[in-house]
N, C-alpha and C. Protein backbone atom coordinates (compact mmCIF):
# COMPACT_ATOMS: atom_id res chain seq x y z
N MET A 1 -74.86 -44.07 50.09
CA MET A 1 -74.56 -44.41 48.72
C MET A 1 -74.42 -43.14 47.87
N ARG A 2 -75.36 -42.21 48.07
CA ARG A 2 -75.30 -40.94 47.30
C ARG A 2 -74.02 -40.18 47.61
N SER A 3 -73.63 -40.18 48.88
CA SER A 3 -72.42 -39.43 49.24
C SER A 3 -71.19 -40.06 48.60
N LEU A 4 -71.15 -41.40 48.47
CA LEU A 4 -70.02 -42.04 47.78
C LEU A 4 -70.01 -41.67 46.31
N LEU A 5 -71.17 -41.64 45.67
CA LEU A 5 -71.28 -41.25 44.28
C LEU A 5 -70.84 -39.81 44.08
N LEU A 6 -71.29 -38.92 44.97
CA LEU A 6 -70.91 -37.52 44.90
C LEU A 6 -69.41 -37.34 45.10
N LEU A 7 -68.84 -38.06 46.05
CA LEU A 7 -67.40 -38.00 46.31
C LEU A 7 -66.64 -38.47 45.07
N GLY A 8 -67.12 -39.54 44.44
CA GLY A 8 -66.47 -40.06 43.23
C GLY A 8 -66.53 -39.04 42.10
N LEU A 9 -67.65 -38.40 41.91
CA LEU A 9 -67.78 -37.38 40.87
C LEU A 9 -66.89 -36.17 41.11
N LEU A 10 -66.82 -35.76 42.37
CA LEU A 10 -65.95 -34.63 42.72
C LEU A 10 -64.48 -34.98 42.47
N THR A 11 -64.09 -36.20 42.80
CA THR A 11 -62.73 -36.63 42.58
C THR A 11 -62.42 -36.66 41.10
N LEU A 12 -63.31 -37.20 40.28
CA LEU A 12 -63.09 -37.25 38.84
C LEU A 12 -63.02 -35.86 38.24
N SER A 13 -63.87 -34.93 38.69
CA SER A 13 -63.82 -33.59 38.14
C SER A 13 -62.53 -32.87 38.52
N ALA A 14 -61.99 -33.16 39.69
CA ALA A 14 -60.72 -32.53 40.09
C ALA A 14 -59.58 -33.00 39.18
N PHE A 15 -59.61 -34.29 38.82
CA PHE A 15 -58.57 -34.81 37.92
C PHE A 15 -58.76 -34.31 36.49
N ALA A 16 -59.99 -34.02 36.08
CA ALA A 16 -60.25 -33.61 34.72
C ALA A 16 -59.99 -32.13 34.50
N GLN A 17 -59.83 -31.36 35.55
CA GLN A 17 -59.61 -29.92 35.38
C GLN A 17 -58.26 -29.66 34.71
N LYS A 18 -58.23 -28.64 33.89
CA LYS A 18 -57.01 -28.25 33.19
C LYS A 18 -56.14 -27.48 34.17
N PRO A 19 -54.80 -27.59 34.02
CA PRO A 19 -53.93 -26.75 34.86
C PRO A 19 -54.16 -25.28 34.55
N ALA A 20 -53.92 -24.41 35.53
CA ALA A 20 -54.17 -22.97 35.39
C ALA A 20 -53.35 -22.36 34.26
N ALA A 21 -52.16 -22.87 34.02
CA ALA A 21 -51.29 -22.36 32.96
C ALA A 21 -50.46 -23.53 32.46
N PRO A 22 -49.82 -23.37 31.29
CA PRO A 22 -48.98 -24.45 30.79
C PRO A 22 -47.86 -24.79 31.80
N THR A 23 -47.43 -26.04 31.79
CA THR A 23 -46.33 -26.47 32.67
C THR A 23 -45.08 -25.67 32.31
N PRO A 24 -44.48 -24.99 33.29
CA PRO A 24 -43.23 -24.25 33.01
C PRO A 24 -42.16 -25.20 32.50
N GLY A 25 -41.39 -24.74 31.54
CA GLY A 25 -40.32 -25.55 30.99
C GLY A 25 -40.08 -25.26 29.53
N THR A 26 -39.18 -26.04 28.93
CA THR A 26 -38.83 -25.85 27.51
C THR A 26 -39.48 -26.95 26.70
N TYR A 27 -40.12 -26.53 25.60
CA TYR A 27 -40.84 -27.43 24.72
C TYR A 27 -40.15 -27.47 23.37
N ASP A 28 -39.85 -28.67 22.86
CA ASP A 28 -39.36 -28.80 21.49
C ASP A 28 -40.56 -28.53 20.60
N THR A 29 -40.42 -27.54 19.69
CA THR A 29 -41.56 -27.05 18.94
C THR A 29 -41.37 -27.20 17.44
N LYS A 30 -42.28 -27.91 16.80
CA LYS A 30 -42.32 -28.05 15.34
C LYS A 30 -43.16 -26.90 14.82
N VAL A 31 -42.68 -26.26 13.76
CA VAL A 31 -43.35 -25.10 13.17
C VAL A 31 -43.69 -25.42 11.72
N GLU A 32 -44.93 -25.16 11.34
CA GLU A 32 -45.39 -25.46 9.97
C GLU A 32 -46.19 -24.29 9.42
N LEU A 33 -45.85 -23.87 8.22
CA LEU A 33 -46.57 -22.80 7.54
C LEU A 33 -47.96 -23.30 7.11
N VAL A 34 -48.99 -22.47 7.36
CA VAL A 34 -50.32 -22.77 6.89
C VAL A 34 -50.41 -22.14 5.49
N LYS A 35 -50.17 -22.95 4.48
CA LYS A 35 -50.00 -22.43 3.11
C LYS A 35 -51.16 -21.62 2.59
N GLU A 36 -52.39 -22.04 2.93
CA GLU A 36 -53.54 -21.30 2.40
C GLU A 36 -53.69 -19.90 2.98
N THR A 37 -52.99 -19.57 4.05
CA THR A 37 -53.06 -18.22 4.64
C THR A 37 -51.94 -17.34 4.17
N ASN A 38 -50.98 -17.89 3.44
CA ASN A 38 -49.78 -17.16 3.09
C ASN A 38 -49.97 -16.22 1.89
N THR A 39 -49.71 -14.92 2.12
CA THR A 39 -49.68 -13.94 1.02
C THR A 39 -48.32 -13.29 0.93
N CYS A 40 -47.33 -13.83 1.67
CA CYS A 40 -45.97 -13.25 1.70
C CYS A 40 -45.00 -14.14 0.91
N PRO A 41 -44.02 -13.54 0.23
CA PRO A 41 -42.99 -14.34 -0.43
C PRO A 41 -42.00 -14.89 0.60
N GLU A 42 -41.87 -16.20 0.67
CA GLU A 42 -40.91 -16.90 1.52
C GLU A 42 -40.90 -16.43 2.97
N PRO A 43 -41.96 -16.66 3.71
CA PRO A 43 -41.93 -16.26 5.14
C PRO A 43 -40.92 -17.10 5.91
N PRO A 44 -40.25 -16.50 6.90
CA PRO A 44 -39.23 -17.21 7.68
C PRO A 44 -39.88 -18.17 8.69
N VAL A 45 -39.85 -19.48 8.37
CA VAL A 45 -40.50 -20.46 9.22
C VAL A 45 -39.50 -21.58 9.52
N ARG A 46 -39.22 -21.81 10.82
CA ARG A 46 -38.31 -22.90 11.20
C ARG A 46 -38.64 -23.35 12.63
N ASP A 47 -38.29 -24.60 12.92
CA ASP A 47 -38.50 -25.14 14.26
C ASP A 47 -37.60 -24.42 15.27
N ASN A 48 -38.13 -24.20 16.46
CA ASN A 48 -37.38 -23.59 17.56
C ASN A 48 -37.99 -24.04 18.87
N ALA A 49 -37.21 -24.01 19.91
CA ALA A 49 -37.72 -24.34 21.23
C ALA A 49 -38.61 -23.21 21.73
N THR A 50 -39.60 -23.54 22.55
CA THR A 50 -40.48 -22.58 23.18
C THR A 50 -40.40 -22.79 24.68
N THR A 51 -40.24 -21.70 25.44
CA THR A 51 -40.14 -21.80 26.88
C THR A 51 -41.32 -21.10 27.52
N PHE A 52 -42.01 -21.82 28.41
CA PHE A 52 -43.11 -21.24 29.19
C PHE A 52 -42.58 -20.95 30.59
N SER A 53 -42.85 -19.75 31.08
CA SER A 53 -42.45 -19.33 32.43
C SER A 53 -43.65 -18.76 33.15
N GLU A 54 -43.94 -19.29 34.32
CA GLU A 54 -45.10 -18.82 35.08
C GLU A 54 -44.78 -17.48 35.74
N ILE A 55 -45.72 -16.56 35.68
CA ILE A 55 -45.61 -15.30 36.41
C ILE A 55 -46.44 -15.42 37.67
N SER A 56 -47.72 -15.65 37.50
CA SER A 56 -48.60 -15.92 38.65
C SER A 56 -49.94 -16.40 38.14
N GLY A 57 -50.43 -17.47 38.73
CA GLY A 57 -51.73 -18.00 38.35
C GLY A 57 -51.84 -18.28 36.87
N ALA A 58 -52.74 -17.61 36.17
CA ALA A 58 -52.97 -17.83 34.75
C ALA A 58 -52.08 -16.94 33.86
N ASN A 59 -51.32 -16.03 34.45
CA ASN A 59 -50.43 -15.16 33.68
C ASN A 59 -49.08 -15.83 33.52
N PHE A 60 -48.56 -15.82 32.31
CA PHE A 60 -47.26 -16.43 32.07
C PHE A 60 -46.59 -15.76 30.86
N THR A 61 -45.35 -16.10 30.62
CA THR A 61 -44.68 -15.64 29.41
C THR A 61 -44.28 -16.86 28.61
N LEU A 62 -44.20 -16.68 27.33
CA LEU A 62 -43.63 -17.72 26.47
C LEU A 62 -42.58 -17.05 25.58
N THR A 63 -41.49 -17.78 25.37
CA THR A 63 -40.39 -17.27 24.58
C THR A 63 -40.14 -18.26 23.43
N HIS A 64 -40.09 -17.73 22.22
CA HIS A 64 -39.83 -18.54 21.03
C HIS A 64 -38.93 -17.73 20.12
N SER A 65 -37.85 -18.34 19.66
CA SER A 65 -36.86 -17.67 18.79
C SER A 65 -36.33 -16.39 19.42
N GLY A 66 -36.18 -16.39 20.73
CA GLY A 66 -35.65 -15.24 21.44
C GLY A 66 -36.63 -14.11 21.66
N ILE A 67 -37.88 -14.31 21.29
CA ILE A 67 -38.90 -13.27 21.45
C ILE A 67 -39.84 -13.69 22.57
N THR A 68 -40.04 -12.80 23.56
CA THR A 68 -40.88 -13.12 24.71
C THR A 68 -42.23 -12.43 24.58
N TYR A 69 -43.29 -13.20 24.85
CA TYR A 69 -44.67 -12.72 24.74
C TYR A 69 -45.34 -12.85 26.11
N SER A 70 -46.17 -11.88 26.48
CA SER A 70 -47.01 -11.99 27.67
C SER A 70 -48.29 -12.70 27.26
N ALA A 71 -48.74 -13.62 28.12
CA ALA A 71 -49.91 -14.43 27.77
C ALA A 71 -50.78 -14.65 29.00
N ILE A 72 -52.00 -15.06 28.73
CA ILE A 72 -52.92 -15.43 29.80
C ILE A 72 -53.60 -16.73 29.39
N ALA A 73 -53.75 -17.62 30.38
CA ALA A 73 -54.36 -18.93 30.15
C ALA A 73 -55.76 -18.94 30.72
N ASP A 74 -56.61 -19.79 30.10
CA ASP A 74 -57.97 -19.96 30.60
C ASP A 74 -58.47 -21.35 30.22
N LYS A 75 -58.54 -22.25 31.19
CA LYS A 75 -59.11 -23.59 31.02
C LYS A 75 -58.57 -24.32 29.81
N GLY A 76 -57.26 -24.42 29.69
CA GLY A 76 -56.67 -25.19 28.62
C GLY A 76 -56.37 -24.42 27.34
N THR A 77 -56.69 -23.13 27.32
CA THR A 77 -56.38 -22.30 26.15
C THR A 77 -55.51 -21.11 26.62
N PHE A 78 -54.83 -20.51 25.67
CA PHE A 78 -54.06 -19.31 25.99
C PHE A 78 -54.01 -18.36 24.79
N LYS A 79 -53.72 -17.12 25.10
CA LYS A 79 -53.63 -16.09 24.07
C LYS A 79 -52.59 -15.07 24.51
N THR A 80 -51.80 -14.60 23.55
CA THR A 80 -50.82 -13.57 23.85
C THR A 80 -51.36 -12.20 23.45
N GLU A 81 -50.72 -11.18 23.98
CA GLU A 81 -51.00 -9.83 23.49
C GLU A 81 -50.33 -9.70 22.12
N LYS A 82 -50.85 -8.82 21.26
CA LYS A 82 -50.19 -8.57 19.99
C LYS A 82 -48.83 -7.96 20.25
N LYS A 83 -47.86 -8.36 19.43
CA LYS A 83 -46.50 -7.85 19.60
C LYS A 83 -46.00 -7.42 18.22
N THR A 84 -45.44 -6.21 18.13
CA THR A 84 -44.87 -5.72 16.89
C THR A 84 -43.37 -5.62 17.03
N LEU A 85 -42.67 -6.21 16.07
CA LEU A 85 -41.22 -6.19 16.03
C LEU A 85 -40.79 -5.42 14.78
N LYS A 86 -39.83 -4.51 14.91
CA LYS A 86 -39.36 -3.72 13.79
C LYS A 86 -37.90 -4.01 13.50
N PHE A 87 -37.61 -4.23 12.22
CA PHE A 87 -36.25 -4.47 11.74
C PHE A 87 -36.04 -3.57 10.52
N GLY A 88 -35.53 -2.36 10.75
CA GLY A 88 -35.36 -1.42 9.64
C GLY A 88 -36.71 -1.03 9.07
N VAL A 89 -36.94 -1.28 7.77
CA VAL A 89 -38.19 -0.91 7.14
C VAL A 89 -39.23 -2.04 7.21
N VAL A 90 -38.86 -3.17 7.82
CA VAL A 90 -39.78 -4.31 7.90
C VAL A 90 -40.30 -4.42 9.34
N SER A 91 -41.60 -4.64 9.48
CA SER A 91 -42.16 -4.88 10.80
C SER A 91 -43.06 -6.10 10.74
N TYR A 92 -43.12 -6.81 11.86
CA TYR A 92 -43.96 -8.00 12.01
C TYR A 92 -44.88 -7.79 13.20
N THR A 93 -46.16 -7.98 13.02
CA THR A 93 -47.10 -7.98 14.14
C THR A 93 -47.56 -9.41 14.33
N LEU A 94 -47.35 -9.94 15.55
CA LEU A 94 -47.64 -11.34 15.83
C LEU A 94 -48.65 -11.46 16.95
N GLU A 95 -49.50 -12.46 16.82
CA GLU A 95 -50.48 -12.80 17.87
C GLU A 95 -50.57 -14.32 17.89
N ILE A 96 -50.59 -14.87 19.11
CA ILE A 96 -50.59 -16.31 19.27
C ILE A 96 -51.80 -16.74 20.09
N GLU A 97 -52.49 -17.80 19.61
CA GLU A 97 -53.58 -18.43 20.34
C GLU A 97 -53.33 -19.92 20.32
N GLY A 98 -53.57 -20.58 21.47
CA GLY A 98 -53.31 -22.00 21.49
C GLY A 98 -54.05 -22.74 22.58
N THR A 99 -53.75 -24.02 22.65
CA THR A 99 -54.27 -24.90 23.68
C THR A 99 -53.10 -25.60 24.34
N TYR A 100 -53.30 -26.05 25.57
CA TYR A 100 -52.22 -26.77 26.27
C TYR A 100 -52.80 -27.89 27.10
N ARG A 101 -51.94 -28.86 27.30
CA ARG A 101 -52.20 -29.93 28.27
C ARG A 101 -50.99 -29.99 29.17
N GLU A 102 -50.89 -30.99 29.98
CA GLU A 102 -49.81 -31.01 30.97
C GLU A 102 -48.42 -30.99 30.35
N GLU A 103 -48.21 -31.73 29.24
CA GLU A 103 -46.85 -31.84 28.70
C GLU A 103 -46.76 -31.48 27.21
N ASP A 104 -47.79 -30.85 26.65
CA ASP A 104 -47.68 -30.42 25.28
C ASP A 104 -48.59 -29.21 25.01
N PHE A 105 -48.37 -28.59 23.86
CA PHE A 105 -49.24 -27.47 23.48
C PHE A 105 -49.32 -27.41 21.96
N LYS A 106 -50.36 -26.75 21.48
CA LYS A 106 -50.52 -26.44 20.05
C LYS A 106 -50.94 -24.99 19.97
N ALA A 107 -50.46 -24.31 18.93
CA ALA A 107 -50.81 -22.89 18.80
C ALA A 107 -50.82 -22.50 17.33
N THR A 108 -51.53 -21.42 17.05
CA THR A 108 -51.52 -20.77 15.74
C THR A 108 -50.97 -19.37 15.93
N VAL A 109 -49.98 -19.05 15.15
CA VAL A 109 -49.37 -17.72 15.20
C VAL A 109 -49.78 -16.96 13.96
N LYS A 110 -50.44 -15.83 14.12
CA LYS A 110 -50.84 -14.98 12.99
C LYS A 110 -49.82 -13.89 12.86
N VAL A 111 -49.31 -13.71 11.65
CA VAL A 111 -48.24 -12.73 11.39
C VAL A 111 -48.70 -11.77 10.29
N ILE A 112 -48.57 -10.48 10.56
CA ILE A 112 -48.77 -9.44 9.54
C ILE A 112 -47.38 -8.83 9.31
N GLU A 113 -46.93 -8.89 8.07
CA GLU A 113 -45.61 -8.36 7.70
C GLU A 113 -45.79 -7.09 6.89
N THR A 114 -45.10 -6.03 7.27
CA THR A 114 -45.16 -4.75 6.55
C THR A 114 -43.75 -4.39 6.10
N ARG A 115 -43.60 -4.17 4.79
CA ARG A 115 -42.33 -3.70 4.20
C ARG A 115 -42.62 -2.41 3.48
N GLY A 116 -42.22 -1.32 4.13
CA GLY A 116 -42.54 -0.01 3.54
C GLY A 116 -44.03 0.17 3.47
N ASP A 117 -44.58 0.26 2.24
CA ASP A 117 -46.02 0.45 2.08
C ASP A 117 -46.74 -0.85 1.66
N LYS A 118 -46.03 -1.99 1.67
CA LYS A 118 -46.63 -3.27 1.28
C LYS A 118 -46.87 -4.14 2.51
N THR A 119 -48.05 -4.73 2.57
CA THR A 119 -48.42 -5.59 3.71
C THR A 119 -48.85 -6.94 3.20
N CYS A 120 -48.43 -7.99 3.90
CA CYS A 120 -48.86 -9.35 3.60
C CYS A 120 -48.99 -10.07 4.93
N GLY A 121 -49.46 -11.30 4.87
CA GLY A 121 -49.66 -12.03 6.12
C GLY A 121 -49.57 -13.53 5.93
N TYR A 122 -49.45 -14.23 7.03
CA TYR A 122 -49.42 -15.68 7.03
C TYR A 122 -49.67 -16.17 8.45
N SER A 123 -49.94 -17.48 8.54
CA SER A 123 -50.08 -18.14 9.84
C SER A 123 -49.16 -19.36 9.87
N VAL A 124 -48.71 -19.66 11.06
CA VAL A 124 -47.94 -20.90 11.28
C VAL A 124 -48.57 -21.65 12.43
N LYS A 125 -48.43 -22.98 12.37
CA LYS A 125 -48.89 -23.84 13.45
C LYS A 125 -47.67 -24.28 14.25
N TRP A 126 -47.81 -24.24 15.56
CA TRP A 126 -46.78 -24.75 16.44
C TRP A 126 -47.33 -26.00 17.15
N ALA A 127 -46.48 -27.01 17.31
CA ALA A 127 -46.80 -28.18 18.12
C ALA A 127 -45.59 -28.46 19.00
N GLY A 128 -45.76 -28.31 20.32
CA GLY A 128 -44.64 -28.45 21.25
C GLY A 128 -44.83 -29.56 22.23
N LYS A 129 -43.73 -30.24 22.57
CA LYS A 129 -43.71 -31.31 23.57
C LYS A 129 -42.70 -30.96 24.63
N LEU A 130 -43.09 -31.02 25.89
CA LEU A 130 -42.20 -30.69 27.01
C LEU A 130 -40.99 -31.61 27.01
N ARG A 131 -39.81 -31.00 27.10
CA ARG A 131 -38.59 -31.78 27.19
C ARG A 131 -38.55 -32.51 28.52
N ASP A 132 -37.82 -33.61 28.56
CA ASP A 132 -37.65 -34.33 29.83
C ASP A 132 -37.02 -33.39 30.83
N GLN A 133 -37.61 -33.34 31.99
CA GLN A 133 -37.10 -32.49 33.05
C GLN A 133 -36.05 -33.26 33.86
N PRO A 134 -35.01 -32.59 34.36
CA PRO A 134 -34.02 -33.30 35.15
C PRO A 134 -34.64 -33.82 36.43
N VAL A 135 -34.21 -34.98 36.84
CA VAL A 135 -34.69 -35.57 38.09
C VAL A 135 -33.85 -35.02 39.23
N VAL A 136 -34.50 -34.48 40.22
CA VAL A 136 -33.79 -33.93 41.39
C VAL A 136 -33.87 -34.95 42.50
N THR A 137 -32.71 -35.37 42.99
CA THR A 137 -32.67 -36.32 44.09
C THR A 137 -32.37 -35.57 45.37
N LEU A 138 -33.25 -35.72 46.34
CA LEU A 138 -33.06 -35.08 47.64
C LEU A 138 -32.30 -36.02 48.55
N PRO A 139 -31.38 -35.47 49.34
CA PRO A 139 -30.65 -36.34 50.27
C PRO A 139 -31.59 -36.88 51.34
N LEU A 140 -31.47 -38.15 51.61
CA LEU A 140 -32.29 -38.79 52.64
C LEU A 140 -31.38 -39.40 53.69
N HIS A 141 -31.96 -39.68 54.84
CA HIS A 141 -31.20 -40.37 55.89
C HIS A 141 -30.81 -41.75 55.36
N ARG A 142 -29.65 -42.21 55.84
CA ARG A 142 -29.17 -43.49 55.34
C ARG A 142 -30.05 -44.64 55.76
N ARG A 143 -30.61 -44.57 56.94
CA ARG A 143 -31.43 -45.68 57.42
C ARG A 143 -32.70 -45.10 58.04
N PRO A 144 -33.78 -45.82 57.97
CA PRO A 144 -35.02 -45.36 58.61
C PRO A 144 -34.85 -45.15 60.11
N ASP A 145 -33.95 -45.94 60.76
CA ASP A 145 -33.72 -45.79 62.19
C ASP A 145 -33.24 -44.38 62.53
N ASP A 146 -32.40 -43.80 61.66
CA ASP A 146 -31.89 -42.45 61.91
C ASP A 146 -33.04 -41.44 61.99
N LEU A 147 -34.00 -41.57 61.11
CA LEU A 147 -35.14 -40.66 61.10
C LEU A 147 -35.99 -40.85 62.35
N ILE A 148 -36.21 -42.08 62.73
CA ILE A 148 -37.01 -42.35 63.96
C ILE A 148 -36.30 -41.78 65.17
N ARG A 149 -34.97 -42.01 65.29
CA ARG A 149 -34.21 -41.47 66.42
C ARG A 149 -34.27 -39.94 66.44
N PHE A 150 -34.17 -39.31 65.25
CA PHE A 150 -34.21 -37.86 65.17
C PHE A 150 -35.57 -37.36 65.70
N ASN A 151 -36.65 -37.96 65.26
CA ASN A 151 -37.98 -37.51 65.67
C ASN A 151 -38.19 -37.70 67.17
N LYS A 152 -37.71 -38.82 67.74
CA LYS A 152 -37.87 -39.07 69.18
C LYS A 152 -37.10 -38.04 69.98
N SER A 153 -35.86 -37.74 69.56
CA SER A 153 -35.06 -36.79 70.34
C SER A 153 -35.62 -35.39 70.20
N ARG A 154 -36.17 -35.05 69.07
CA ARG A 154 -36.69 -33.70 68.83
C ARG A 154 -37.93 -33.45 69.66
N TYR A 155 -38.78 -34.44 69.81
CA TYR A 155 -40.04 -34.22 70.48
C TYR A 155 -40.09 -34.82 71.93
N ALA A 156 -38.97 -35.25 72.42
CA ALA A 156 -38.93 -35.89 73.73
C ALA A 156 -39.32 -34.94 74.86
N ASN A 157 -39.03 -33.65 74.70
CA ASN A 157 -39.29 -32.69 75.79
C ASN A 157 -40.63 -31.99 75.70
N LEU A 158 -41.48 -32.43 74.82
CA LEU A 158 -42.81 -31.76 74.66
C LEU A 158 -43.80 -32.21 75.71
């Protein structure tokens, strides 16, 4: 009885574990300015797709608005390295922290904007949902008999 209970608990814990990294794919992402954090005049905020690409294990990249960030995941959370982008006299330093589940994610992006000698900042919230993935159909034998015949002929000489 104890072994059945232990097996049941192990099975449940395996299903409850978070994936090592977000599911690779493209997420439709809603972007919202966190107004109470905003000290910048008219920060550029708009919805854009976000793409997660696995590198290995917990390391992955995410791309949003054409900008790619290196990130690391840990038990349902992730964080990017700080990234600074320069456009003439304006620079933006961005850092992203978030959470993920199998088909969605939420994140907060902290932005420091520098224009010459003036600095301001703001945060935005991202909420992304994985787009429907294409269904891949693999070619199968026309009839189960074909598969049985194939296996018999293949292993007949063993």
